[in-house]
Amino acid sequence: AGAGCYAATKFRARQKWDDSLDVWACHGIGGTIGVIATGVFAAPFVNGAQGLLYGGTHVFVAQVAAAPIVAVYSFAVSLAILKIMDRIGGLRVSEDAERGGLDRAEHGETAYD
């Protein structure tokens, strides 16, 4: 999962997507890899479920089917929350505030001169 997250952070940087905390790369991609890996590595002596490595397919199929459902749900809920926030107070600061520094524009002080 770590290699997948690292590759996704590099991909995001090349695409110049605005995700400074790499939420998509770390949580989205890492979580998806983890969900699918659960279907592969689920061990019957841990929780009774049999992953692919132990001859079971049910858990793997369920995990693979759940991954896009969770992605679509997460996207839809996040989009709804962002739309509400944008209507209430806006999501972006002005270009002048961004250029001048958010410490000064948002808090009236600066951390570094």
PDB file of N, CA and C in Angstrom:
ATOM      1  N   ALA A   1       0.834  -1.199   0.000  1.00  0.00           N
ATOM      2  CA  ALA A   1       0.000   0.000   0.000  1.00  0.00           C
ATOM      3  C   ALA A   1       0.872   1.253   0.000  1.00  0.00           C
ATOM      4  N   GLY A   2       1.995   1.186   0.706  1.00  0.00           N
ATOM      5  CA  GLY A   2       2.889   2.344   0.760  1.00  0.00           C
ATOM      6  C   GLY A   2       3.427   2.716  -0.610  1.00  0.00           C
ATOM      7  N   ALA A   3       3.794   1.721  -1.398  1.00  0.00           N
ATOM      8  CA  ALA A   3       4.298   1.992  -2.752  1.00  0.00           C
ATOM      9  C   ALA A   3       3.197   2.588  -3.620  1.00  0.00           C
ATOM     10  N   GLY A   4       1.979   2.107  -3.461  1.00  0.00           N
ATOM     11  CA  GLY A   4       0.845   2.662  -4.211  1.00  0.00           C
ATOM     12  C   GLY A   4       0.573   4.107  -3.837  1.00  0.00           C
ATOM     13  N   CYS A   5       0.646   4.405  -2.543  1.00  0.00           N
ATOM     14  CA  CYS A   5       0.441   5.783  -2.083  1.00  0.00           C
ATOM     15  C   CYS A   5       1.532   6.700  -2.614  1.00  0.00           C
ATOM     16  N   TYR A   6       2.765   6.224  -2.575  1.00  0.00           N
ATOM     17  CA  TYR A   6       3.884   7.026  -3.070  1.00  0.00           C
ATOM     18  C   TYR A   6       3.717   7.308  -4.566  1.00  0.00           C
ATOM     19  N   ALA A   7       3.366   6.285  -5.336  1.00  0.00           N
ATOM     20  CA  ALA A   7       3.160   6.470  -6.773  1.00  0.00           C
ATOM     21  C   ALA A   7       2.009   7.440  -7.022  1.00  0.00           C
ATOM     22  N   ALA A   8       0.960   7.356  -6.217  1.00  0.00           N
ATOM     23  CA  ALA A   8      -0.181   8.255  -6.383  1.00  0.00           C
ATOM     24  C   ALA A   8       0.186   9.697  -6.045  1.00  0.00           C
ATOM     25  N   THR A   9       1.054   9.908  -5.039  1.00  0.00           N
ATOM     26  CA  THR A   9       1.477  11.287  -4.729  1.00  0.00           C
ATOM     27  C   THR A   9       2.288  11.857  -5.878  1.00  0.00           C
ATOM     28  N   LYS A  10       3.133  11.047  -6.493  1.00  0.00           N
ATOM     29  CA  LYS A  10       3.916  11.507  -7.639  1.00  0.00           C
ATOM     30  C   LYS A  10       3.003  11.802  -8.830  1.00  0.00           C
ATOM     31  N   PHE A  11       2.021  10.943  -9.064  1.00  0.00           N
ATOM     32  CA  PHE A  11       1.061  11.144 -10.145  1.00  0.00           C
ATOM     33  C   PHE A  11       0.278  12.435  -9.924  1.00  0.00           C
ATOM     34  N   ARG A  12      -0.192  12.654  -8.687  1.00  0.00           N
ATOM     35  CA  ARG A  12      -0.951  13.858  -8.368  1.00  0.00           C
ATOM     36  C   ARG A  12      -0.117  15.111  -8.605  1.00  0.00           C
ATOM     37  N   ALA A  13       1.154  15.063  -8.244  1.00  0.00           N
ATOM     38  CA  ALA A  13       2.031  16.219  -8.446  1.00  0.00           C
ATOM     39  C   ALA A  13       2.216  16.509  -9.936  1.00  0.00           C
ATOM     40  N   ARG A  14       2.377  15.471 -10.751  1.00  0.00           N
ATOM     41  CA  ARG A  14       2.523  15.671 -12.202  1.00  0.00           C
ATOM     42  C   ARG A  14       1.259  16.250 -12.817  1.00  0.00           C
ATOM     43  N   GLN A  15       0.108  15.864 -12.279  1.00  0.00           N
ATOM     44  CA  GLN A  15      -1.166  16.362 -12.798  1.00  0.00           C
ATOM     45  C   GLN A  15      -1.480  17.773 -12.301  1.00  0.00           C
ATOM     46  N   LYS A  16      -0.723  18.221 -11.284  1.00  0.00           N
ATOM     47  CA  LYS A  16      -0.920  19.543 -10.663  1.00  0.00           C
ATOM     48  C   LYS A  16      -2.317  19.695 -10.059  1.00  0.00           C
ATOM     49  N   TRP A  17      -2.798  18.606  -9.444  1.00  0.00           N
ATOM     50  CA  TRP A  17      -4.070  18.662  -8.739  1.00  0.00           C
ATOM     51  C   TRP A  17      -3.888  19.401  -7.431  1.00  0.00           C
ATOM     52  N   ASP A  18      -4.911  20.124  -6.993  1.00  0.00           N
ATOM     53  CA  ASP A  18      -4.855  20.892  -5.752  1.00  0.00           C
ATOM     54  C   ASP A  18      -5.261  19.991  -4.590  1.00  0.00           C
ATOM     55  N   ASP A  19      -4.319  19.223  -4.099  1.00  0.00           N
ATOM     56  CA  ASP A  19      -4.542  18.333  -2.958  1.00  0.00           C
ATOM     57  C   ASP A  19      -3.268  18.350  -2.128  1.00  0.00           C
ATOM     58  N   SER A  20      -3.057  19.460  -1.446  1.00  0.00           N
ATOM     59  CA  SER A  20      -1.775  19.674  -0.764  1.00  0.00           C
ATOM     60  C   SER A  20      -1.500  18.660   0.344  1.00  0.00           C
ATOM     61  N   LEU A  21      -2.516  18.054   0.894  1.00  0.00           N
ATOM     62  CA  LEU A  21      -2.316  17.067   1.954  1.00  0.00           C
ATOM     63  C   LEU A  21      -2.306  15.635   1.419  1.00  0.00           C
ATOM     64  N   ASP A  22      -2.415  15.488   0.109  1.00  0.00           N
ATOM     65  CA  ASP A  22      -2.428  14.166  -0.531  1.00  0.00           C
ATOM     66  C   ASP A  22      -3.488  13.240   0.057  1.00  0.00           C
ATOM     67  N   VAL A  23      -4.663  13.780   0.281  1.00  0.00           N
ATOM     68  CA  VAL A  23      -5.760  12.978   0.827  1.00  0.00           C
ATOM     69  C   VAL A  23      -6.143  11.872  -0.150  1.00  0.00           C
ATOM     70  N   TRP A  24      -6.283  12.217  -1.423  1.00  0.00           N
ATOM     71  CA  TRP A  24      -6.644  11.215  -2.424  1.00  0.00           C
ATOM     72  C   TRP A  24      -5.564  10.131  -2.508  1.00  0.00           C
ATOM     73  N   ALA A  25      -4.313  10.549  -2.577  1.00  0.00           N
ATOM     74  CA  ALA A  25      -3.221   9.588  -2.754  1.00  0.00           C
ATOM     75  C   ALA A  25      -3.082   8.670  -1.550  1.00  0.00           C
ATOM     76  N   CYS A  26      -3.108   9.228  -0.358  1.00  0.00           N
ATOM     77  CA  CYS A  26      -2.867   8.410   0.839  1.00  0.00           C
ATOM     78  C   CYS A  26      -4.113   7.659   1.307  1.00  0.00           C
ATOM     79  N   HIS A  27      -5.217   8.380   1.464  1.00  0.00           N
ATOM     80  CA  HIS A  27      -6.419   7.731   1.985  1.00  0.00           C
ATOM     81  C   HIS A  27      -7.209   7.021   0.892  1.00  0.00           C
ATOM     82  N   GLY A  28      -7.356   7.663  -0.259  1.00  0.00           N
ATOM     83  CA  GLY A  28      -8.123   7.044  -1.339  1.00  0.00           C
ATOM     84  C   GLY A  28      -7.440   5.833  -1.921  1.00  0.00           C
ATOM     85  N   ILE A  29      -6.218   6.017  -2.384  1.00  0.00           N
ATOM     86  CA  ILE A  29      -5.495   4.908  -3.018  1.00  0.00           C
ATOM     87  C   ILE A  29      -5.050   3.887  -1.971  1.00  0.00           C
ATOM     88  N   GLY A  30      -4.482   4.349  -0.868  1.00  0.00           N
ATOM     89  CA  GLY A  30      -4.061   3.423   0.191  1.00  0.00           C
ATOM     90  C   GLY A  30      -5.224   2.637   0.758  1.00  0.00           C
ATOM     91  N   GLY A  31      -6.356   3.298   0.948  1.00  0.00           N
ATOM     92  CA  GLY A  31      -7.546   2.613   1.456  1.00  0.00           C
ATOM     93  C   GLY A  31      -8.079   1.576   0.484  1.00  0.00           C
ATOM     94  N   THR A  32      -8.068   1.916  -0.795  1.00  0.00           N
ATOM     95  CA  THR A  32      -8.532   0.973  -1.811  1.00  0.00           C
ATOM     96  C   THR A  32      -7.628  -0.253  -1.870  1.00  0.00           C
ATOM     97  N   ILE A  33      -6.326  -0.018  -1.812  1.00  0.00           N
ATOM     98  CA  ILE A  33      -5.391  -1.151  -1.792  1.00  0.00           C
ATOM     99  C   ILE A  33      -5.636  -2.014  -0.550  1.00  0.00           C
ATOM    100  N   GLY A  34      -5.859  -1.377   0.590  1.00  0.00           N
ATOM    101  CA  GLY A  34      -6.118  -2.109   1.825  1.00  0.00           C
ATOM    102  C   GLY A  34      -7.399  -2.910   1.792  1.00  0.00           C
ATOM    103  N   VAL A  35      -8.442  -2.340   1.199  1.00  0.00           N
ATOM    104  CA  VAL A  35      -9.722  -3.044   1.093  1.00  0.00           C
ATOM    105  C   VAL A  35      -9.564  -4.299   0.241  1.00  0.00           C
ATOM    106  N   ILE A  36      -8.894  -4.155  -0.879  1.00  0.00           N
ATOM    107  CA  ILE A  36      -8.699  -5.305  -1.757  1.00  0.00           C
ATOM    108  C   ILE A  36      -7.759  -6.330  -1.113  1.00  0.00           C
ATOM    109  N   ALA A  37      -6.716  -5.857  -0.455  1.00  0.00           N
ATOM    110  CA  ALA A  37      -5.782  -6.772   0.219  1.00  0.00           C
ATOM    111  C   ALA A  37      -6.478  -7.560   1.327  1.00  0.00           C
ATOM    112  N   THR A  38      -7.473  -6.959   1.957  1.00  0.00           N
ATOM    113  CA  THR A  38      -8.245  -7.690   2.964  1.00  0.00           C
ATOM    114  C   THR A  38      -8.913  -8.900   2.331  1.00  0.00           C
ATOM    115  N   GLY A  39      -9.439  -8.734   1.124  1.00  0.00           N
ATOM    116  CA  GLY A  39     -10.053  -9.850   0.417  1.00  0.00           C
ATOM    117  C   GLY A  39      -9.053 -10.911   0.001  1.00  0.00           C
ATOM    118  N   VAL A  40      -7.813 -10.509  -0.161  1.00  0.00           N
ATOM    119  CA  VAL A  40      -6.768 -11.468  -0.537  1.00  0.00           C
ATOM    120  C   VAL A  40      -6.238 -12.204   0.687  1.00  0.00           C
ATOM    121  N   PHE A  41      -5.964 -11.469   1.757  1.00  0.00           N
ATOM    122  CA  PHE A  41      -5.237 -12.023   2.901  1.00  0.00           C
ATOM    123  C   PHE A  41      -6.103 -12.420   4.099  1.00  0.00           C
ATOM    124  N   ALA A  42      -7.426 -12.273   4.022  1.00  0.00           N
ATOM    125  CA  ALA A  42      -8.277 -12.636   5.162  1.00  0.00           C
ATOM    126  C   ALA A  42      -8.000 -14.082   5.574  1.00  0.00           C
ATOM    127  N   ALA A  43      -7.709 -14.269   6.848  1.00  0.00           N
ATOM    128  CA  ALA A  43      -7.309 -15.587   7.343  1.00  0.00           C
ATOM    129  C   ALA A  43      -8.397 -16.167   8.243  1.00  0.00           C
ATOM    130  N   PRO A  44      -8.768 -17.410   8.005  1.00  0.00           N
ATOM    131  CA  PRO A  44      -9.833 -18.017   8.799  1.00  0.00           C
ATOM    132  C   PRO A  44      -9.487 -18.151  10.278  1.00  0.00           C
ATOM    133  N   PHE A  45      -8.203 -18.247  10.622  1.00  0.00           N
ATOM    134  CA  PHE A  45      -7.835 -18.369  12.033  1.00  0.00           C
ATOM    135  C   PHE A  45      -7.868 -17.021  12.758  1.00  0.00           C
ATOM    136  N   VAL A  46      -8.063 -15.921  12.017  1.00  0.00           N
ATOM    137  CA  VAL A  46      -8.171 -14.599  12.648  1.00  0.00           C
ATOM    138  C   VAL A  46      -9.630 -14.235  12.886  1.00  0.00           C
ATOM    139  N   ASN A  47     -10.447 -14.311  11.829  1.00  0.00           N
ATOM    140  CA  ASN A  47     -11.850 -13.923  11.984  1.00  0.00           C
ATOM    141  C   ASN A  47     -12.832 -14.856  11.291  1.00  0.00           C
ATOM    142  N   GLY A  48     -12.369 -15.979  10.825  1.00  0.00           N
ATOM    143  CA  GLY A  48     -13.256 -16.960  10.206  1.00  0.00           C
ATOM    144  C   GLY A  48     -13.455 -16.773   8.710  1.00  0.00           C
ATOM    145  N   ALA A  49     -13.064 -15.643   8.157  1.00  0.00           N
ATOM    146  CA  ALA A  49     -13.244 -15.388   6.729  1.00  0.00           C
ATOM    147  C   ALA A  49     -12.057 -15.948   5.946  1.00  0.00           C
ATOM    148  N   GLN A  50     -12.342 -16.471   4.772  1.00  0.00           N
ATOM    149  CA  GLN A  50     -11.281 -17.025   3.930  1.00  0.00           C
ATOM    150  C   GLN A  50     -11.039 -16.115   2.732  1.00  0.00           C
ATOM    151  N   GLY A  51      -9.867 -15.494   2.705  1.00  0.00           N
ATOM    152  CA  GLY A  51      -9.477 -14.685   1.560  1.00  0.00           C
ATOM    153  C   GLY A  51      -8.985 -15.566   0.426  1.00  0.00           C
ATOM    154  N   LEU A  52      -8.577 -14.931  -0.657  1.00  0.00           N
ATOM    155  CA  LEU A  52      -8.105 -15.679  -1.824  1.00  0.00           C
ATOM    156  C   LEU A  52      -6.959 -16.629  -1.505  1.00  0.00           C
ATOM    157  N   LEU A  53      -6.047 -16.202  -0.656  1.00  0.00           N
ATOM    158  CA  LEU A  53      -4.902 -17.053  -0.329  1.00  0.00           C
ATOM    159  C   LEU A  53      -5.302 -18.315   0.425  1.00  0.00           C
ATOM    160  N   TYR A  54      -6.484 -18.297   1.024  1.00  0.00           N
ATOM    161  CA  TYR A  54      -6.952 -19.467   1.781  1.00  0.00           C
ATOM    162  C   TYR A  54      -8.083 -20.188   1.062  1.00  0.00           C
ATOM    163  N   GLY A  55      -8.214 -19.920  -0.234  1.00  0.00           N
ATOM    164  CA  GLY A  55      -9.180 -20.661  -1.049  1.00  0.00           C
ATOM    165  C   GLY A  55     -10.563 -20.074  -1.132  1.00  0.00           C
ATOM    166  N   GLY A  56     -10.819 -18.972  -0.470  1.00  0.00           N
ATOM    167  CA  GLY A  56     -12.142 -18.362  -0.516  1.00  0.00           C
ATOM    168  C   GLY A  56     -12.203 -17.253  -1.554  1.00  0.00           C
ATOM    169  N   THR A  57     -13.351 -17.092  -2.163  1.00  0.00           N
ATOM    170  CA  THR A  57     -13.536 -16.003  -3.131  1.00  0.00           C
ATOM    171  C   THR A  57     -14.595 -15.008  -2.669  1.00  0.00           C
ATOM    172  N   HIS A  58     -15.458 -15.419  -1.750  1.00  0.00           N
ATOM    173  CA  HIS A  58     -16.579 -14.568  -1.325  1.00  0.00           C
ATOM    174  C   HIS A  58     -16.100 -13.229  -0.749  1.00  0.00           C
ATOM    175  N   VAL A  59     -15.152 -13.258   0.150  1.00  0.00           N
ATOM    176  CA  VAL A  59     -14.660 -12.028   0.778  1.00  0.00           C
ATOM    177  C   VAL A  59     -13.969 -11.146  -0.262  1.00  0.00           C
ATOM    178  N   PHE A  60     -13.179 -11.754  -1.134  1.00  0.00           N
ATOM    179  CA  PHE A  60     -12.477 -10.988  -2.161  1.00  0.00           C
ATOM    180  C   PHE A  60     -13.460 -10.278  -3.088  1.00  0.00           C
ATOM    181  N   VAL A  61     -14.457 -11.007  -3.569  1.00  0.00           N
ATOM    182  CA  VAL A  61     -15.455 -10.416  -4.469  1.00  0.00           C
ATOM    183  C   VAL A  61     -16.205  -9.288  -3.767  1.00  0.00           C
ATOM    184  N   ALA A  62     -16.563  -9.497  -2.516  1.00  0.00           N
ATOM    185  CA  ALA A  62     -17.271  -8.462  -1.757  1.00  0.00           C
ATOM    186  C   ALA A  62     -16.407  -7.221  -1.583  1.00  0.00           C
ATOM    187  N   GLN A  63     -15.132  -7.398  -1.288  1.00  0.00           N
ATOM    188  CA  GLN A  63     -14.228  -6.266  -1.087  1.00  0.00           C
ATOM    189  C   GLN A  63     -14.010  -5.499  -2.392  1.00  0.00           C
ATOM    190  N   VAL A  64     -13.808  -6.212  -3.482  1.00  0.00           N
ATOM    191  CA  VAL A  64     -13.604  -5.558  -4.783  1.00  0.00           C
ATOM    192  C   VAL A  64     -14.876  -4.819  -5.204  1.00  0.00           C
ATOM    193  N   ALA A  65     -16.035  -5.382  -4.935  1.00  0.00           N
ATOM    194  CA  ALA A  65     -17.296  -4.711  -5.267  1.00  0.00           C
ATOM    195  C   ALA A  65     -17.530  -3.487  -4.385  1.00  0.00           C
ATOM    196  N   ALA A  66     -17.096  -3.566  -3.138  1.00  0.00           N
ATOM    197  CA  ALA A  66     -17.320  -2.459  -2.203  1.00  0.00           C
ATOM    198  C   ALA A  66     -16.440  -1.244  -2.505  1.00  0.00           C
ATOM    199  N   ALA A  67     -15.246  -1.464  -3.039  1.00  0.00           N
ATOM    200  CA  ALA A  67     -14.299  -0.365  -3.251  1.00  0.00           C
ATOM    201  C   ALA A  67     -14.872   0.752  -4.128  1.00  0.00           C
ATOM    202  N   PRO A  68     -15.418   0.483  -5.319  1.00  0.00           N
ATOM    203  CA  PRO A  68     -15.965   1.594  -6.112  1.00  0.00           C
ATOM    204  C   PRO A  68     -17.223   2.201  -5.498  1.00  0.00           C
ATOM    205  N   ILE A  69     -18.003   1.386  -4.784  1.00  0.00           N
ATOM    206  CA  ILE A  69     -19.200   1.922  -4.128  1.00  0.00           C
ATOM    207  C   ILE A  69     -18.799   2.949  -3.070  1.00  0.00           C
ATOM    208  N   VAL A  70     -17.794   2.614  -2.279  1.00  0.00           N
ATOM    209  CA  VAL A  70     -17.303   3.540  -1.251  1.00  0.00           C
ATOM    210  C   VAL A  70     -16.701   4.785  -1.896  1.00  0.00           C
ATOM    211  N   ALA A  71     -15.982   4.622  -3.003  1.00  0.00           N
ATOM    212  CA  ALA A  71     -15.381   5.772  -3.690  1.00  0.00           C
ATOM    213  C   ALA A  71     -16.457   6.724  -4.201  1.00  0.00           C
ATOM    214  N   VAL A  72     -17.497   6.197  -4.831  1.00  0.00           N
ATOM    215  CA  VAL A  72     -18.579   7.035  -5.350  1.00  0.00           C
ATOM    216  C   VAL A  72     -19.321   7.719  -4.199  1.00  0.00           C
ATOM    217  N   TYR A  73     -19.609   6.974  -3.150  1.00  0.00           N
ATOM    218  CA  TYR A  73     -20.292   7.546  -1.983  1.00  0.00           C
ATOM    219  C   TYR A  73     -19.459   8.666  -1.360  1.00  0.00           C
ATOM    220  N   SER A  74     -18.176   8.412  -1.161  1.00  0.00           N
ATOM    221  CA  SER A  74     -17.300   9.412  -0.554  1.00  0.00           C
ATOM    222  C   SER A  74     -17.214  10.664  -1.415  1.00  0.00           C
ATOM    223  N   PHE A  75     -17.110  10.484  -2.726  1.00  0.00           N
ATOM    224  CA  PHE A  75     -17.065  11.619  -3.639  1.00  0.00           C
ATOM    225  C   PHE A  75     -18.356  12.427  -3.556  1.00  0.00           C
ATOM    226  N   ALA A  76     -19.488  11.745  -3.588  1.00  0.00           N
ATOM    227  CA  ALA A  76     -20.781  12.432  -3.571  1.00  0.00           C
ATOM    228  C   ALA A  76     -20.994  13.210  -2.274  1.00  0.00           C
ATOM    229  N   VAL A  77     -20.696  12.590  -1.149  1.00  0.00           N
ATOM    230  CA  VAL A  77     -20.878  13.268   0.138  1.00  0.00           C
ATOM    231  C   VAL A  77     -19.903  14.435   0.265  1.00  0.00           C
ATOM    232  N   SER A  78     -18.661  14.245  -0.141  1.00  0.00           N
ATOM    233  CA  SER A  78     -17.675  15.334  -0.090  1.00  0.00           C
ATOM    234  C   SER A  78     -18.102  16.493  -0.985  1.00  0.00           C
ATOM    235  N   LEU A  79     -18.593  16.181  -2.183  1.00  0.00           N
ATOM    236  CA  LEU A  79     -19.055  17.225  -3.091  1.00  0.00           C
ATOM    237  C   LEU A  79     -20.224  17.997  -2.487  1.00  0.00           C
ATOM    238  N   ALA A  80     -21.156  17.290  -1.879  1.00  0.00           N
ATOM    239  CA  ALA A  80     -22.296  17.961  -1.240  1.00  0.00           C
ATOM    240  C   ALA A  80     -21.833  18.875  -0.108  1.00  0.00           C
ATOM    241  N   ILE A  81     -20.930  18.395   0.718  1.00  0.00           N
ATOM    242  CA  ILE A  81     -20.413  19.216   1.822  1.00  0.00           C
ATOM    243  C   ILE A  81     -19.692  20.444   1.284  1.00  0.00           C
ATOM    244  N   LEU A  82     -18.873  20.267   0.255  1.00  0.00           N
ATOM    245  CA  LEU A  82     -18.146  21.400  -0.323  1.00  0.00           C
ATOM    246  C   LEU A  82     -19.089  22.408  -0.955  1.00  0.00           C
ATOM    247  N   LYS A  83     -20.153  21.954  -1.619  1.00  0.00           N
ATOM    248  CA  LYS A  83     -21.141  22.868  -2.204  1.00  0.00           C
ATOM    249  C   LYS A  83     -21.824  23.686  -1.109  1.00  0.00           C
ATOM    250  N   ILE A  84     -22.187  23.037  -0.008  1.00  0.00           N
ATOM    251  CA  ILE A  84     -22.816  23.748   1.113  1.00  0.00           C
ATOM    252  C   ILE A  84     -21.844  24.770   1.691  1.00  0.00           C
ATOM    253  N   MET A  85     -20.606  24.353   1.906  1.00  0.00           N
ATOM    254  CA  MET A  85     -19.601  25.284   2.450  1.00  0.00           C
ATOM    255  C   MET A  85     -19.373  26.465   1.515  1.00  0.00           C
ATOM    256  N   ASP A  86     -19.372  26.219   0.212  1.00  0.00           N
ATOM    257  CA  ASP A  86     -19.152  27.286  -0.756  1.00  0.00           C
ATOM    258  C   ASP A  86     -20.295  28.297  -0.722  1.00  0.00           C
ATOM    259  N   ARG A  87     -21.512  27.823  -0.530  1.00  0.00           N
ATOM    260  CA  ARG A  87     -22.659  28.733  -0.447  1.00  0.00           C
ATOM    261  C   ARG A  87     -22.648  29.541   0.846  1.00  0.00           C
ATOM    262  N   ILE A  88     -22.166  28.935   1.917  1.00  0.00           N
ATOM    263  CA  ILE A  88     -22.180  29.617   3.210  1.00  0.00           C
ATOM    264  C   ILE A  88     -21.099  30.688   3.286  1.00  0.00           C
ATOM    265  N   GLY A  89     -19.869  30.331   2.946  1.00  0.00           N
ATOM    266  CA  GLY A  89     -18.809  31.307   3.149  1.00  0.00           C
ATOM    267  C   GLY A  89     -17.694  31.271   2.134  1.00  0.00           C
ATOM    268  N   GLY A  90     -17.818  30.458   1.151  1.00  0.00           N
ATOM    269  CA  GLY A  90     -16.773  30.371   0.137  1.00  0.00           C
ATOM    270  C   GLY A  90     -15.665  29.428   0.546  1.00  0.00           C
ATOM    271  N   LEU A  91     -15.071  28.814  -0.443  1.00  0.00           N
ATOM    272  CA  LEU A  91     -13.999  27.862  -0.190  1.00  0.00           C
ATOM    273  C   LEU A  91     -12.623  28.463  -0.404  1.00  0.00           C
ATOM    274  N   ARG A  92     -12.541  29.495  -1.223  1.00  0.00           N
ATOM    275  CA  ARG A  92     -11.246  30.061  -1.565  1.00  0.00           C
ATOM    276  C   ARG A  92     -11.152  31.482  -1.026  1.00  0.00           C
ATOM    277  N   VAL A  93      -9.934  31.858  -0.681  1.00  0.00           N
ATOM    278  CA  VAL A  93      -9.671  33.250  -0.326  1.00  0.00           C
ATOM    279  C   VAL A  93      -9.389  33.999  -1.619  1.00  0.00           C
ATOM    280  N   SER A  94      -9.382  35.304  -1.550  1.00  0.00           N
ATOM    281  CA  SER A  94      -9.095  36.097  -2.738  1.00  0.00           C
ATOM    282  C   SER A  94      -7.645  35.892  -3.163  1.00  0.00           C
ATOM    283  N   GLU A  95      -7.368  36.227  -4.426  1.00  0.00           N
ATOM    284  CA  GLU A  95      -6.000  36.093  -4.921  1.00  0.00           C
ATOM    285  C   GLU A  95      -5.054  37.016  -4.161  1.00  0.00           C
ATOM    286  N   ASP A  96      -5.530  38.202  -3.819  1.00  0.00           N
ATOM    287  CA  ASP A  96      -4.693  39.142  -3.055  1.00  0.00           C
ATOM    288  C   ASP A  96      -4.349  38.582  -1.682  1.00  0.00           C
ATOM    289  N   ALA A  97      -5.333  37.986  -1.014  1.00  0.00           N
ATOM    290  CA  ALA A  97      -5.082  37.399   0.305  1.00  0.00           C
ATOM    291  C   ALA A  97      -4.104  36.236   0.205  1.00  0.00           C
ATOM    292  N   GLU A  98      -4.228  35.457  -0.860  1.00  0.00           N
ATOM    293  CA  GLU A  98      -3.327  34.323  -1.035  1.00  0.00           C
ATOM    294  C   GLU A  98      -1.900  34.795  -1.311  1.00  0.00           C
ATOM    295  N   ARG A  99      -1.780  35.817  -2.114  1.00  0.00           N
ATOM    296  CA  ARG A  99      -0.443  36.346  -2.421  1.00  0.00           C
ATOM    297  C   ARG A  99       0.194  37.002  -1.202  1.00  0.00           C
ATOM    298  N   GLY A 100      -0.616  37.714  -0.418  1.00  0.00           N
ATOM    299  CA  GLY A 100      -0.093  38.415   0.754  1.00  0.00           C
ATOM    300  C   GLY A 100       0.198  37.494   1.918  1.00  0.00           C
ATOM    301  N   GLY A 101      -0.335  36.306   1.869  1.00  0.00           N
ATOM    302  CA  GLY A 101      -0.125  35.344   2.941  1.00  0.00           C
ATOM    303  C   GLY A 101      -1.382  35.178   3.775  1.00  0.00           C
ATOM    304  N   LEU A 102      -1.747  33.943   3.995  1.00  0.00           N
ATOM    305  CA  LEU A 102      -2.982  33.663   4.722  1.00  0.00           C
ATOM    306  C   LEU A 102      -2.877  33.980   6.210  1.00  0.00           C
ATOM    307  N   ASP A 103      -1.671  33.942   6.758  1.00  0.00           N
ATOM    308  CA  ASP A 103      -1.527  34.322   8.171  1.00  0.00           C
ATOM    309  C   ASP A 103      -2.036  35.739   8.379  1.00  0.00           C
ATOM    310  N   ARG A 104      -1.601  36.637   7.532  1.00  0.00           N
ATOM    311  CA  ARG A 104      -2.012  38.038   7.659  1.00  0.00           C
ATOM    312  C   ARG A 104      -3.479  38.220   7.290  1.00  0.00           C
ATOM    313  N   ALA A 105      -3.913  37.629   6.184  1.00  0.00           N
ATOM    314  CA  ALA A 105      -5.275  37.830   5.704  1.00  0.00           C
ATOM    315  C   ALA A 105      -6.320  37.194   6.623  1.00  0.00           C
ATOM    316  N   GLU A 106      -6.045  36.026   7.127  1.00  0.00           N
ATOM    317  CA  GLU A 106      -7.027  35.302   7.935  1.00  0.00           C
ATOM    318  C   GLU A 106      -6.923  35.588   9.430  1.00  0.00           C
ATOM    319  N   HIS A 107      -5.690  35.823   9.909  1.00  0.00           N
ATOM    320  CA  HIS A 107      -5.488  35.950  11.353  1.00  0.00           C
ATOM    321  C   HIS A 107      -4.979  37.315  11.780  1.00  0.00           C
ATOM    322  N   GLY A 108      -4.582  38.146  10.815  1.00  0.00           N
ATOM    323  CA  GLY A 108      -4.093  39.482  11.159  1.00  0.00           C
ATOM    324  C   GLY A 108      -2.696  39.491  11.749  1.00  0.00           C
ATOM    325  N   GLU A 109      -1.936  38.436  11.541  1.00  0.00           N
ATOM    326  CA  GLU A 109      -0.574  38.365  12.064  1.00  0.00           C
ATOM    327  C   GLU A 109       0.262  37.493  11.141  1.00  0.00           C
ATOM    328  N   THR A 110       1.569  37.543  11.319  1.00  0.00           N
ATOM    329  CA  THR A 110       2.430  36.696  10.519  1.00  0.00           C
ATOM    330  C   THR A 110       3.311  35.857  11.441  1.00  0.00           C
ATOM    331  N   ALA A 111       3.594  34.656  10.988  1.00  0.00           N
ATOM    332  CA  ALA A 111       4.465  33.771  11.755  1.00  0.00           C
ATOM    333  C   ALA A 111       5.920  34.069  11.440  1.00  0.00           C
ATOM    334  N   TYR A 112       6.187  34.473  10.186  1.00  0.00           N
ATOM    335  CA  TYR A 112       7.567  34.732   9.762  1.00  0.00           C
ATOM    336  C   TYR A 112       7.595  36.041   9.002  1.00  0.00           C
ATOM    337  N   ASP A 113       8.608  36.831   9.228  1.00  0.00           N
ATOM    338  CA  ASP A 113       8.759  38.089   8.474  1.00  0.00           C
ATOM    339  C   ASP A 113       9.706  37.907   7.335  1.00  0.00           C
TER     340      ASP A 113
END
